[in-house]
Structure formats: C-alpha cells, structure tokens
C-alpha cells in the first residue's frame, strides 16, 4: 500500500469523510497533488510566522491567511468537481 503524502493527510483534515476521494485524486492528478503541496507549504509558513509574532510580519501573516483561505476554496472546488 503506497504511503499517503503528508500534504494529502493535512488536506484530509479539512474534509473529513472525503479520504477516498482525496487519495484517488492525489494518485491520479499531478495538479491536485501540487495544490495539496502548496496548501501544506502555506500553512506551515503561516504557523511559523504566527509563532514568531514579529511586528514586521503582520502584513505577511495577513497575506498567508488569505492564501491559505484561497487554497482551501480551490481544494474544495476540485473535490466537488471530482465527485460529480
């Protein structure tokens, strides 16, 4: 059984009950895997910025929050399109 990439595991937390769809899509779609990887990188960067809480990073944190939200929407749209 192939190991599920950490980025797909992270995305699975956003969409409980959609694991089968996520794994199938991640195995068959390079663009979807890339989207999952982008989401993982963005969330990791945001978490790091929030832990550091440097005043000069406030704007970057806002940008990363927006990016994470946009990626979540794109992941949801892609999953919904896959299930139709």
N, C-alpha and C. Protein backbone atom coordinates (compact mmCIF):
# COMPACT_ATOMS: atom_id res chain seq x y z
N UNK A 1 0.85 -1.19 0.00
CA UNK A 1 0.00 0.00 0.00
C UNK A 1 0.89 1.24 0.00
N UNK A 2 0.69 2.15 -0.97
CA UNK A 2 1.54 3.34 -1.02
C UNK A 2 1.27 4.27 0.16
N UNK A 3 2.33 4.95 0.56
CA UNK A 3 2.20 5.90 1.67
C UNK A 3 1.54 7.18 1.16
N UNK A 4 0.64 7.70 1.97
CA UNK A 4 -0.06 8.94 1.61
C UNK A 4 0.84 10.12 1.98
N UNK A 5 1.09 11.02 1.02
CA UNK A 5 1.95 12.18 1.31
C UNK A 5 1.37 13.04 2.44
N UNK A 6 2.27 13.65 3.20
CA UNK A 6 1.84 14.47 4.34
C UNK A 6 0.91 15.61 3.92
N UNK A 7 1.11 16.14 2.73
CA UNK A 7 0.24 17.23 2.28
C UNK A 7 -1.19 16.75 2.08
N UNK A 8 -1.37 15.51 1.62
CA UNK A 8 -2.71 14.96 1.43
C UNK A 8 -3.35 14.67 2.79
N UNK A 9 -2.56 14.20 3.74
CA UNK A 9 -3.06 13.97 5.10
C UNK A 9 -3.55 15.29 5.70
N UNK A 10 -2.79 16.35 5.49
CA UNK A 10 -3.18 17.67 6.00
C UNK A 10 -4.50 18.13 5.37
N UNK A 11 -4.62 17.96 4.08
CA UNK A 11 -5.85 18.36 3.39
C UNK A 11 -7.02 17.50 3.86
N UNK A 12 -6.77 16.23 4.17
CA UNK A 12 -7.84 15.34 4.64
C UNK A 12 -8.45 15.85 5.94
N UNK A 13 -7.69 16.56 6.74
CA UNK A 13 -8.22 17.13 7.98
C UNK A 13 -9.27 18.21 7.70
N UNK A 14 -9.15 18.85 6.54
CA UNK A 14 -10.12 19.89 6.15
C UNK A 14 -11.45 19.29 5.70
N UNK A 15 -11.37 18.08 5.17
CA UNK A 15 -12.53 17.46 4.54
C UNK A 15 -12.78 16.07 5.12
N UNK A 16 -13.23 16.00 6.36
CA UNK A 16 -13.49 14.69 6.97
C UNK A 16 -14.52 13.92 6.14
N UNK A 17 -14.28 12.65 6.01
CA UNK A 17 -15.19 11.81 5.25
C UNK A 17 -14.92 11.78 3.76
N UNK A 18 -13.92 12.51 3.32
CA UNK A 18 -13.61 12.56 1.88
C UNK A 18 -12.27 11.90 1.57
N UNK A 19 -11.78 11.09 2.50
CA UNK A 19 -10.45 10.49 2.34
C UNK A 19 -10.30 9.71 1.04
N UNK A 20 -11.30 8.90 0.71
CA UNK A 20 -11.21 8.10 -0.51
C UNK A 20 -11.08 8.99 -1.74
N UNK A 21 -11.89 10.04 -1.80
CA UNK A 21 -11.80 10.99 -2.92
C UNK A 21 -10.44 11.66 -2.97
N UNK A 22 -9.95 12.06 -1.80
CA UNK A 22 -8.65 12.74 -1.73
C UNK A 22 -7.52 11.84 -2.22
N UNK A 23 -7.50 10.61 -1.74
CA UNK A 23 -6.42 9.69 -2.12
C UNK A 23 -6.50 9.39 -3.61
N UNK A 24 -7.70 9.12 -4.11
CA UNK A 24 -7.87 8.82 -5.53
C UNK A 24 -7.40 10.01 -6.39
N UNK A 25 -7.80 11.19 -6.01
CA UNK A 25 -7.43 12.38 -6.77
C UNK A 25 -5.92 12.64 -6.67
N UNK A 26 -5.36 12.47 -5.50
CA UNK A 26 -3.92 12.68 -5.32
C UNK A 26 -3.11 11.68 -6.15
N UNK A 27 -3.61 10.46 -6.28
CA UNK A 27 -2.90 9.44 -7.06
C UNK A 27 -3.01 9.70 -8.56
N UNK A 28 -4.11 10.31 -9.00
CA UNK A 28 -4.34 10.44 -10.43
C UNK A 28 -4.07 11.83 -11.00
N UNK A 29 -3.90 12.82 -10.15
CA UNK A 29 -3.81 14.20 -10.65
C UNK A 29 -2.59 14.94 -10.08
N UNK A 30 -1.61 15.16 -10.94
CA UNK A 30 -0.44 15.93 -10.53
C UNK A 30 -0.81 17.36 -10.12
N UNK A 31 -1.73 18.04 -10.84
CA UNK A 31 -2.12 19.38 -10.40
C UNK A 31 -2.75 19.39 -9.00
N UNK A 32 -3.55 18.37 -8.68
CA UNK A 32 -4.15 18.30 -7.35
C UNK A 32 -3.07 18.08 -6.29
N UNK A 33 -2.12 17.21 -6.56
CA UNK A 33 -1.01 16.99 -5.62
C UNK A 33 -0.24 18.28 -5.40
N UNK A 34 -0.02 19.02 -6.47
CA UNK A 34 0.67 20.30 -6.38
C UNK A 34 -0.12 21.28 -5.52
N UNK A 35 -1.43 21.29 -5.68
CA UNK A 35 -2.30 22.14 -4.87
C UNK A 35 -2.20 21.77 -3.39
N UNK A 36 -2.18 20.47 -3.11
CA UNK A 36 -2.02 20.00 -1.73
C UNK A 36 -0.67 20.43 -1.16
N UNK A 37 0.38 20.31 -1.97
CA UNK A 37 1.72 20.73 -1.53
C UNK A 37 1.76 22.23 -1.26
N UNK A 38 1.14 23.01 -2.13
CA UNK A 38 1.08 24.46 -1.93
C UNK A 38 0.35 24.79 -0.62
N UNK A 39 -0.74 24.08 -0.37
CA UNK A 39 -1.50 24.29 0.87
C UNK A 39 -0.64 23.96 2.09
N UNK A 40 0.07 22.86 2.03
CA UNK A 40 0.93 22.48 3.15
C UNK A 40 2.01 23.54 3.39
N UNK A 41 2.66 23.99 2.34
CA UNK A 41 3.72 25.00 2.48
C UNK A 41 3.16 26.31 3.04
N UNK A 42 2.01 26.72 2.54
CA UNK A 42 1.41 27.98 3.01
C UNK A 42 1.01 27.89 4.47
N UNK A 43 0.41 26.76 4.88
CA UNK A 43 0.01 26.63 6.28
C UNK A 43 1.22 26.55 7.21
N UNK A 44 2.26 25.85 6.77
CA UNK A 44 3.48 25.78 7.58
C UNK A 44 4.12 27.15 7.73
N UNK A 45 4.16 27.91 6.66
CA UNK A 45 4.74 29.26 6.72
C UNK A 45 3.91 30.16 7.63
N UNK A 46 2.60 30.09 7.50
CA UNK A 46 1.73 30.89 8.36
C UNK A 46 1.92 30.52 9.82
N UNK A 47 1.98 29.25 10.14
CA UNK A 47 2.19 28.82 11.52
C UNK A 47 3.52 29.34 12.06
N UNK A 48 4.55 29.27 11.23
CA UNK A 48 5.87 29.76 11.66
C UNK A 48 5.82 31.26 11.93
N UNK A 49 5.18 32.01 11.05
CA UNK A 49 5.07 33.45 11.24
C UNK A 49 4.28 33.78 12.51
N UNK A 50 3.20 33.04 12.75
CA UNK A 50 2.38 33.29 13.93
C UNK A 50 3.13 32.95 15.22
N UNK A 51 3.97 31.95 15.18
CA UNK A 51 4.75 31.59 16.38
C UNK A 51 5.81 32.64 16.67
N UNK A 52 6.38 33.20 15.63
CA UNK A 52 7.43 34.21 15.82
C UNK A 52 6.85 35.54 16.28
N UNK A 53 5.67 35.84 15.85
CA UNK A 53 4.94 37.08 16.15
C UNK A 53 5.83 38.33 16.15
N UNK A 54 6.50 38.52 15.05
CA UNK A 54 7.31 39.72 14.86
C UNK A 54 6.42 40.82 14.27
N UNK A 55 6.51 42.03 14.80
CA UNK A 55 5.66 43.12 14.28
C UNK A 55 5.80 43.34 12.77
N UNK A 56 7.00 43.13 12.25
CA UNK A 56 7.22 43.35 10.82
C UNK A 56 6.57 42.26 9.96
N UNK A 57 6.09 41.19 10.58
CA UNK A 57 5.48 40.09 9.83
C UNK A 57 3.95 40.15 9.79
N UNK A 58 3.36 41.17 10.37
CA UNK A 58 1.89 41.25 10.44
C UNK A 58 1.28 41.24 9.04
N UNK A 59 1.85 42.02 8.12
CA UNK A 59 1.32 42.07 6.76
C UNK A 59 1.50 40.72 6.06
N UNK A 60 2.65 40.10 6.24
CA UNK A 60 2.88 38.79 5.63
C UNK A 60 1.91 37.75 6.18
N UNK A 61 1.61 37.82 7.48
CA UNK A 61 0.66 36.88 8.06
C UNK A 61 -0.71 37.05 7.41
N UNK A 62 -1.12 38.28 7.21
CA UNK A 62 -2.41 38.54 6.55
C UNK A 62 -2.42 37.97 5.13
N UNK A 63 -1.31 38.15 4.42
CA UNK A 63 -1.21 37.62 3.07
C UNK A 63 -1.30 36.10 3.07
N UNK A 64 -0.62 35.46 4.02
CA UNK A 64 -0.65 34.00 4.09
C UNK A 64 -2.01 33.48 4.53
N UNK A 65 -2.69 34.21 5.41
CA UNK A 65 -4.06 33.80 5.79
C UNK A 65 -4.97 33.82 4.57
N UNK A 66 -4.83 34.84 3.76
CA UNK A 66 -5.62 34.94 2.53
C UNK A 66 -5.26 33.81 1.57
N UNK A 67 -3.98 33.56 1.40
CA UNK A 67 -3.53 32.48 0.52
C UNK A 67 -4.06 31.13 0.99
N UNK A 68 -3.98 30.85 2.28
CA UNK A 68 -4.49 29.59 2.83
C UNK A 68 -5.99 29.47 2.55
N UNK A 69 -6.73 30.53 2.76
CA UNK A 69 -8.18 30.51 2.51
C UNK A 69 -8.47 30.26 1.03
N UNK A 70 -7.71 30.90 0.16
CA UNK A 70 -7.91 30.70 -1.28
C UNK A 70 -7.60 29.26 -1.69
N UNK A 71 -6.53 28.71 -1.12
CA UNK A 71 -6.17 27.33 -1.42
C UNK A 71 -7.23 26.36 -0.90
N UNK A 72 -7.78 26.64 0.26
CA UNK A 72 -8.86 25.80 0.80
C UNK A 72 -10.06 25.81 -0.15
N UNK A 73 -10.41 26.97 -0.66
CA UNK A 73 -11.53 27.08 -1.61
C UNK A 73 -11.24 26.29 -2.88
N UNK A 74 -10.03 26.42 -3.39
CA UNK A 74 -9.66 25.70 -4.61
C UNK A 74 -9.67 24.19 -4.39
N UNK A 75 -9.19 23.75 -3.23
CA UNK A 75 -9.23 22.32 -2.91
C UNK A 75 -10.67 21.83 -2.84
N UNK A 76 -11.54 22.60 -2.22
CA UNK A 76 -12.95 22.24 -2.11
C UNK A 76 -13.60 22.16 -3.48
N UNK A 77 -13.34 23.15 -4.33
CA UNK A 77 -13.90 23.15 -5.68
C UNK A 77 -13.43 21.93 -6.48
N UNK A 78 -12.15 21.62 -6.34
CA UNK A 78 -11.60 20.48 -7.07
C UNK A 78 -12.22 19.17 -6.59
N UNK A 79 -12.36 19.03 -5.29
CA UNK A 79 -13.00 17.81 -4.74
C UNK A 79 -14.46 17.72 -5.17
N UNK A 80 -15.16 18.83 -5.12
CA UNK A 80 -16.57 18.82 -5.53
C UNK A 80 -16.72 18.45 -7.01
N UNK A 81 -15.85 18.97 -7.83
CA UNK A 81 -15.89 18.66 -9.27
C UNK A 81 -15.59 17.18 -9.50
N UNK A 82 -14.70 16.63 -8.71
CA UNK A 82 -14.33 15.21 -8.83
C UNK A 82 -15.50 14.30 -8.45
N UNK A 83 -16.31 14.72 -7.51
CA UNK A 83 -17.39 13.86 -7.02
C UNK A 83 -18.64 13.93 -7.89
N UNK A 84 -18.65 14.79 -8.88
CA UNK A 84 -19.84 14.92 -9.77
C UNK A 84 -19.80 13.88 -10.88
